[in-house]
Amino acid sequence: MQVNALDGRCRNCDGILEIVGADDTTMSVECTDCGDEYDVETDAFNDGCIKYWPAVLVEQMQEGGDA
């Protein structure tokens, strides 16, 4: 799931972030520009944990991955 650029950008190059995984405490993001990967808190994008985190967890469950 891609992060809206207004909500958050790569901490290293200011590029676009893709959320590639999540668990009960963190989300894993990858920059589509520089390829940097790192974990962020579930509310890293100031959405109150209601926009990105649940959507990624649902996506993982539908794909049969761990949530």
PDB file of N, CA and C in Angstrom:
ATOM      1  N   MET A   1       0.851  -1.168   0.000  1.00  0.00           N
ATOM      2  CA  MET A   1       0.000   0.000   0.000  1.00  0.00           C
ATOM      3  C   MET A   1       0.898   1.233   0.000  1.00  0.00           C
ATOM      4  N   GLN A   2       0.651   2.137  -0.895  1.00  0.00           N
ATOM      5  CA  GLN A   2       1.454   3.343  -1.004  1.00  0.00           C
ATOM      6  C   GLN A   2       0.970   4.398  -0.009  1.00  0.00           C
ATOM      7  N   VAL A   3       1.924   5.090   0.612  1.00  0.00           N
ATOM      8  CA  VAL A   3       1.619   6.161   1.554  1.00  0.00           C
ATOM      9  C   VAL A   3       1.445   7.462   0.770  1.00  0.00           C
ATOM     10  N   ASN A   4       0.376   8.167   1.042  1.00  0.00           N
ATOM     11  CA  ASN A   4       0.165   9.475   0.422  1.00  0.00           C
ATOM     12  C   ASN A   4       1.340  10.370   0.789  1.00  0.00           C
ATOM     13  N   ALA A   5       1.916  11.037  -0.192  1.00  0.00           N
ATOM     14  CA  ALA A   5       3.093  11.889   0.032  1.00  0.00           C
ATOM     15  C   ALA A   5       2.821  13.001   1.041  1.00  0.00           C
ATOM     16  N   LEU A   6       1.573  13.401   1.184  1.00  0.00           N
ATOM     17  CA  LEU A   6       1.234  14.431   2.174  1.00  0.00           C
ATOM     18  C   LEU A   6       1.267  13.871   3.589  1.00  0.00           C
ATOM     19  N   ASP A   7       1.145  12.547   3.729  1.00  0.00           N
ATOM     20  CA  ASP A   7       1.143  11.903   5.040  1.00  0.00           C
ATOM     21  C   ASP A   7       2.543  11.523   5.511  1.00  0.00           C
ATOM     22  N   GLY A   8       3.426  11.188   4.586  1.00  0.00           N
ATOM     23  CA  GLY A   8       4.772  10.794   4.980  1.00  0.00           C
ATOM     24  C   GLY A   8       5.630  10.481   3.775  1.00  0.00           C
ATOM     25  N   ARG A   9       6.929  10.710   3.941  1.00  0.00           N
ATOM     26  CA  ARG A   9       7.899  10.467   2.875  1.00  0.00           C
ATOM     27  C   ARG A   9       9.126   9.792   3.471  1.00  0.00           C
ATOM     28  N   CYS A  10       9.978   9.271   2.624  1.00  0.00           N
ATOM     29  CA  CYS A  10      11.196   8.599   3.059  1.00  0.00           C
ATOM     30  C   CYS A  10      12.053   9.532   3.895  1.00  0.00           C
ATOM     31  N   ARG A  11      12.536   9.019   5.011  1.00  0.00           N
ATOM     32  CA  ARG A  11      13.353   9.834   5.912  1.00  0.00           C
ATOM     33  C   ARG A  11      14.753  10.091   5.353  1.00  0.00           C
ATOM     34  N   ASN A  12      15.158   9.325   4.340  1.00  0.00           N
ATOM     35  CA  ASN A  12      16.501   9.499   3.788  1.00  0.00           C
ATOM     36  C   ASN A  12      16.539  10.324   2.508  1.00  0.00           C
ATOM     37  N   CYS A  13      15.563  10.109   1.606  1.00  0.00           N
ATOM     38  CA  CYS A  13      15.632  10.820   0.316  1.00  0.00           C
ATOM     39  C   CYS A  13      14.373  11.619  -0.006  1.00  0.00           C
ATOM     40  N   ASP A  14      13.382  11.596   0.892  1.00  0.00           N
ATOM     41  CA  ASP A  14      12.108  12.293   0.694  1.00  0.00           C
ATOM     42  C   ASP A  14      11.266  11.657  -0.412  1.00  0.00           C
ATOM     43  N   GLY A  15      11.541  10.385  -0.716  1.00  0.00           N
ATOM     44  CA  GLY A  15      10.805   9.671  -1.754  1.00  0.00           C
ATOM     45  C   GLY A  15       9.480   9.112  -1.264  1.00  0.00           C
ATOM     46  N   ILE A  16       8.791   8.437  -2.152  1.00  0.00           N
ATOM     47  CA  ILE A  16       7.490   7.842  -1.880  1.00  0.00           C
ATOM     48  C   ILE A  16       7.677   6.523  -1.129  1.00  0.00           C
ATOM     49  N   LEU A  17       6.846   6.306  -0.108  1.00  0.00           N
ATOM     50  CA  LEU A  17       6.920   5.086   0.699  1.00  0.00           C
ATOM     51  C   LEU A  17       5.827   4.102   0.321  1.00  0.00           C
ATOM     52  N   GLU A  18       6.180   2.840   0.368  1.00  0.00           N
ATOM     53  CA  GLU A  18       5.252   1.733   0.176  1.00  0.00           C
ATOM     54  C   GLU A  18       5.259   0.928   1.474  1.00  0.00           C
ATOM     55  N   ILE A  19       4.081   0.669   2.051  1.00  0.00           N
ATOM     56  CA  ILE A  19       4.002  -0.172   3.241  1.00  0.00           C
ATOM     57  C   ILE A  19       4.011  -1.615   2.762  1.00  0.00           C
ATOM     58  N   VAL A  20       5.016  -2.365   3.196  1.00  0.00           N
ATOM     59  CA  VAL A  20       5.192  -3.732   2.703  1.00  0.00           C
ATOM     60  C   VAL A  20       4.825  -4.796   3.731  1.00  0.00           C
ATOM     61  N   GLY A  21       4.500  -4.388   4.950  1.00  0.00           N
ATOM     62  CA  GLY A  21       4.106  -5.337   5.974  1.00  0.00           C
ATOM     63  C   GLY A  21       3.739  -4.629   7.259  1.00  0.00           C
ATOM     64  N   ALA A  22       3.070  -5.369   8.145  1.00  0.00           N
ATOM     65  CA  ALA A  22       2.681  -4.794   9.433  1.00  0.00           C
ATOM     66  C   ALA A  22       2.456  -5.919  10.433  1.00  0.00           C
ATOM     67  N   ASP A  23       2.608  -5.565  11.697  1.00  0.00           N
ATOM     68  CA  ASP A  23       2.241  -6.474  12.778  1.00  0.00           C
ATOM     69  C   ASP A  23       1.519  -5.647  13.821  1.00  0.00           C
ATOM     70  N   ASP A  24       1.410  -6.139  15.041  1.00  0.00           N
ATOM     71  CA  ASP A  24       0.617  -5.423  16.041  1.00  0.00           C
ATOM     72  C   ASP A  24       1.288  -4.170  16.588  1.00  0.00           C
ATOM     73  N   THR A  25       2.559  -3.935  16.291  1.00  0.00           N
ATOM     74  CA  THR A  25       3.236  -2.751  16.831  1.00  0.00           C
ATOM     75  C   THR A  25       3.944  -1.890  15.793  1.00  0.00           C
ATOM     76  N   THR A  26       4.214  -2.424  14.614  1.00  0.00           N
ATOM     77  CA  THR A  26       4.958  -1.656  13.609  1.00  0.00           C
ATOM     78  C   THR A  26       4.440  -1.915  12.205  1.00  0.00           C
ATOM     79  N   MET A  27       4.850  -1.037  11.312  1.00  0.00           N
ATOM     80  CA  MET A  27       4.651  -1.239   9.883  1.00  0.00           C
ATOM     81  C   MET A  27       6.026  -1.164   9.228  1.00  0.00           C
ATOM     82  N   SER A  28       6.250  -2.002   8.240  1.00  0.00           N
ATOM     83  CA  SER A  28       7.502  -1.988   7.493  1.00  0.00           C
ATOM     84  C   SER A  28       7.269  -1.214   6.210  1.00  0.00           C
ATOM     85  N   VAL A  29       8.148  -0.243   5.953  1.00  0.00           N
ATOM     86  CA  VAL A  29       8.018   0.572   4.755  1.00  0.00           C
ATOM     87  C   VAL A  29       9.264   0.437   3.889  1.00  0.00           C
ATOM     88  N   GLU A  30       9.068   0.657   2.602  1.00  0.00           N
ATOM     89  CA  GLU A  30      10.171   0.648   1.645  1.00  0.00           C
ATOM     90  C   GLU A  30      10.014   1.859   0.736  1.00  0.00           C
ATOM     91  N   CYS A  31      11.112   2.560   0.510  1.00  0.00           N
ATOM     92  CA  CYS A  31      11.089   3.721  -0.369  1.00  0.00           C
ATOM     93  C   CYS A  31      11.131   3.248  -1.816  1.00  0.00           C
ATOM     94  N   THR A  32      10.219   3.763  -2.636  1.00  0.00           N
ATOM     95  CA  THR A  32      10.183   3.371  -4.043  1.00  0.00           C
ATOM     96  C   THR A  32      11.291   4.046  -4.834  1.00  0.00           C
ATOM     97  N   ASP A  33      11.940   5.055  -4.256  1.00  0.00           N
ATOM     98  CA  ASP A  33      13.014   5.762  -4.953  1.00  0.00           C
ATOM     99  C   ASP A  33      14.396   5.207  -4.613  1.00  0.00           C
ATOM    100  N   CYS A  34      14.750   5.198  -3.325  1.00  0.00           N
ATOM    101  CA  CYS A  34      16.108   4.781  -2.937  1.00  0.00           C
ATOM    102  C   CYS A  34      16.180   3.334  -2.463  1.00  0.00           C
ATOM    103  N   GLY A  35      15.017   2.700  -2.210  1.00  0.00           N
ATOM    104  CA  GLY A  35      14.999   1.305  -1.788  1.00  0.00           C
ATOM    105  C   GLY A  35      15.250   1.081  -0.309  1.00  0.00           C
ATOM    106  N   ASP A  36      15.413   2.150   0.465  1.00  0.00           N
ATOM    107  CA  ASP A  36      15.639   2.004   1.900  1.00  0.00           C
ATOM    108  C   ASP A  36      14.421   1.368   2.551  1.00  0.00           C
ATOM    109  N   GLU A  37      14.653   0.462   3.488  1.00  0.00           N
ATOM    110  CA  GLU A  37      13.580  -0.210   4.217  1.00  0.00           C
ATOM    111  C   GLU A  37      13.773   0.016   5.704  1.00  0.00           C
ATOM    112  N   TYR A  38      12.672   0.276   6.407  1.00  0.00           N
ATOM    113  CA  TYR A  38      12.729   0.451   7.854  1.00  0.00           C
ATOM    114  C   TYR A  38      11.336   0.299   8.446  1.00  0.00           C
ATOM    115  N   ASP A  39      11.287   0.103   9.757  1.00  0.00           N
ATOM    116  CA  ASP A  39      10.020  -0.030  10.476  1.00  0.00           C
ATOM    117  C   ASP A  39       9.615   1.316  11.057  1.00  0.00           C
ATOM    118  N   VAL A  40       8.313   1.551  11.087  1.00  0.00           N
ATOM    119  CA  VAL A  40       7.752   2.762  11.696  1.00  0.00           C
ATOM    120  C   VAL A  40       6.634   2.354  12.638  1.00  0.00           C
ATOM    121  N   GLU A  41       6.246   3.248  13.518  1.00  0.00           N
ATOM    122  CA  GLU A  41       5.126   2.999  14.423  1.00  0.00           C
ATOM    123  C   GLU A  41       3.824   2.945  13.628  1.00  0.00           C
ATOM    124  N   THR A  42       2.820   2.330  14.201  1.00  0.00           N
ATOM    125  CA  THR A  42       1.544   2.186  13.499  1.00  0.00           C
ATOM    126  C   THR A  42       0.853   3.524  13.225  1.00  0.00           C
ATOM    127  N   ASP A  43       1.213   4.566  13.966  1.00  0.00           N
ATOM    128  CA  ASP A  43       0.652   5.901  13.747  1.00  0.00           C
ATOM    129  C   ASP A  43       1.707   6.854  13.188  1.00  0.00           C
ATOM    130  N   ALA A  44       2.645   6.333  12.451  1.00  0.00           N
ATOM    131  CA  ALA A  44       3.737   7.155  11.917  1.00  0.00           C
ATOM    132  C   ALA A  44       3.250   8.229  10.947  1.00  0.00           C
ATOM    133  N   PHE A  45       2.089   8.024  10.370  1.00  0.00           N
ATOM    134  CA  PHE A  45       1.601   8.962   9.363  1.00  0.00           C
ATOM    135  C   PHE A  45       0.453   9.827   9.883  1.00  0.00           C
ATOM    136  N   ASN A  46       0.366   9.936  11.215  1.00  0.00           N
ATOM    137  CA  ASN A  46      -0.583  10.819  11.901  1.00  0.00           C
ATOM    138  C   ASN A  46      -2.026  10.614  11.452  1.00  0.00           C
ATOM    139  N   ASP A  47      -2.404   9.340  11.293  1.00  0.00           N
ATOM    140  CA  ASP A  47      -3.769   9.033  10.880  1.00  0.00           C
ATOM    141  C   ASP A  47      -4.592   8.403  11.998  1.00  0.00           C
ATOM    142  N   GLY A  48      -4.046   8.402  13.217  1.00  0.00           N
ATOM    143  CA  GLY A  48      -4.752   7.803  14.345  1.00  0.00           C
ATOM    144  C   GLY A  48      -4.882   6.291  14.223  1.00  0.00           C
ATOM    145  N   CYS A  49      -4.028   5.688  13.451  1.00  0.00           N
ATOM    146  CA  CYS A  49      -4.032   4.223  13.219  1.00  0.00           C
ATOM    147  C   CYS A  49      -5.314   3.737  12.563  1.00  0.00           C
ATOM    148  N   ILE A  50      -5.981   4.583  11.772  1.00  0.00           N
ATOM    149  CA  ILE A  50      -7.240   4.141  11.169  1.00  0.00           C
ATOM    150  C   ILE A  50      -7.199   4.055   9.641  1.00  0.00           C
ATOM    151  N   LYS A  51      -6.166   4.564   9.016  1.00  0.00           N
ATOM    152  CA  LYS A  51      -6.117   4.552   7.552  1.00  0.00           C
ATOM    153  C   LYS A  51      -5.183   3.466   7.014  1.00  0.00           C
ATOM    154  N   TYR A  52      -3.941   3.502   7.393  1.00  0.00           N
ATOM    155  CA  TYR A  52      -2.942   2.605   6.806  1.00  0.00           C
ATOM    156  C   TYR A  52      -2.833   1.261   7.520  1.00  0.00           C
ATOM    157  N   TRP A  53      -2.634   1.293   8.830  1.00  0.00           N
ATOM    158  CA  TRP A  53      -2.356   0.073   9.584  1.00  0.00           C
ATOM    159  C   TRP A  53      -3.437  -0.998   9.416  1.00  0.00           C
ATOM    160  N   PRO A  54      -4.728  -0.682   9.639  1.00  0.00           N
ATOM    161  CA  PRO A  54      -5.745  -1.730   9.478  1.00  0.00           C
ATOM    162  C   PRO A  54      -5.840  -2.232   8.039  1.00  0.00           C
ATOM    163  N   ALA A  55      -5.680  -1.342   7.080  1.00  0.00           N
ATOM    164  CA  ALA A  55      -5.775  -1.744   5.677  1.00  0.00           C
ATOM    165  C   ALA A  55      -4.662  -2.723   5.308  1.00  0.00           C
ATOM    166  N   VAL A  56      -3.467  -2.482   5.818  1.00  0.00           N
ATOM    167  CA  VAL A  56      -2.347  -3.381   5.539  1.00  0.00           C
ATOM    168  C   VAL A  56      -2.560  -4.723   6.226  1.00  0.00           C
ATOM    169  N   LEU A  57      -3.058  -4.711   7.458  1.00  0.00           N
ATOM    170  CA  LEU A  57      -3.338  -5.967   8.153  1.00  0.00           C
ATOM    171  C   LEU A  57      -4.383  -6.793   7.403  1.00  0.00           C
ATOM    172  N   VAL A  58      -5.444  -6.158   6.928  1.00  0.00           N
ATOM    173  CA  VAL A  58      -6.480  -6.852   6.167  1.00  0.00           C
ATOM    174  C   VAL A  58      -5.892  -7.418   4.875  1.00  0.00           C
ATOM    175  N   GLU A  59      -5.087  -6.621   4.196  1.00  0.00           N
ATOM    176  CA  GLU A  59      -4.446  -7.075   2.961  1.00  0.00           C
ATOM    177  C   GLU A  59      -3.586  -8.318   3.212  1.00  0.00           C
ATOM    178  N   GLN A  60      -2.826  -8.302   4.302  1.00  0.00           N
ATOM    179  CA  GLN A  60      -1.989  -9.453   4.652  1.00  0.00           C
ATOM    180  C   GLN A  60      -2.825 -10.692   4.935  1.00  0.00           C
ATOM    181  N   MET A  61      -3.928 -10.514   5.659  1.00  0.00           N
ATOM    182  CA  MET A  61      -4.791 -11.651   5.987  1.00  0.00           C
ATOM    183  C   MET A  61      -5.414 -12.234   4.719  1.00  0.00           C
ATOM    184  N   GLN A  62      -5.817 -11.385   3.803  1.00  0.00           N
ATOM    185  CA  GLN A  62      -6.424 -11.851   2.554  1.00  0.00           C
ATOM    186  C   GLN A  62      -5.411 -12.616   1.712  1.00  0.00           C
ATOM    187  N   GLU A  63      -4.135 -12.239   1.824  1.00  0.00           N
ATOM    188  CA  GLU A  63      -3.078 -12.920   1.086  1.00  0.00           C
ATOM    189  C   GLU A  63      -2.569 -14.158   1.816  1.00  0.00           C
ATOM    190  N   GLY A  64      -3.082 -14.382   3.016  1.00  0.00           N
ATOM    191  CA  GLY A  64      -2.691 -15.551   3.773  1.00  0.00           C
ATOM    192  C   GLY A  64      -1.439 -15.366   4.609  1.00  0.00           C
ATOM    193  N   GLY A  65      -0.990 -14.123   4.778  1.00  0.00           N
ATOM    194  CA  GLY A  65       0.196 -13.854   5.574  1.00  0.00           C
ATOM    195  C   GLY A  65      -0.132 -13.669   7.031  1.00  0.00           C
ATOM    196  N   ASP A  66       0.898 -13.546   7.834  1.00  0.00           N
ATOM    197  CA  ASP A  66       0.709 -13.316   9.269  1.00  0.00           C
ATOM    198  C   ASP A  66       0.290 -11.889   9.510  1.00  0.00           C
ATOM    199  N   ALA A  67      -0.561 -11.675  10.463  1.00  0.00           N
ATOM    200  CA  ALA A  67      -0.992 -10.331  10.835  1.00  0.00           C
ATOM    201  C   ALA A  67      -0.736 -10.103  12.301  1.00  0.00           C
TER     202      ALA A  67
END
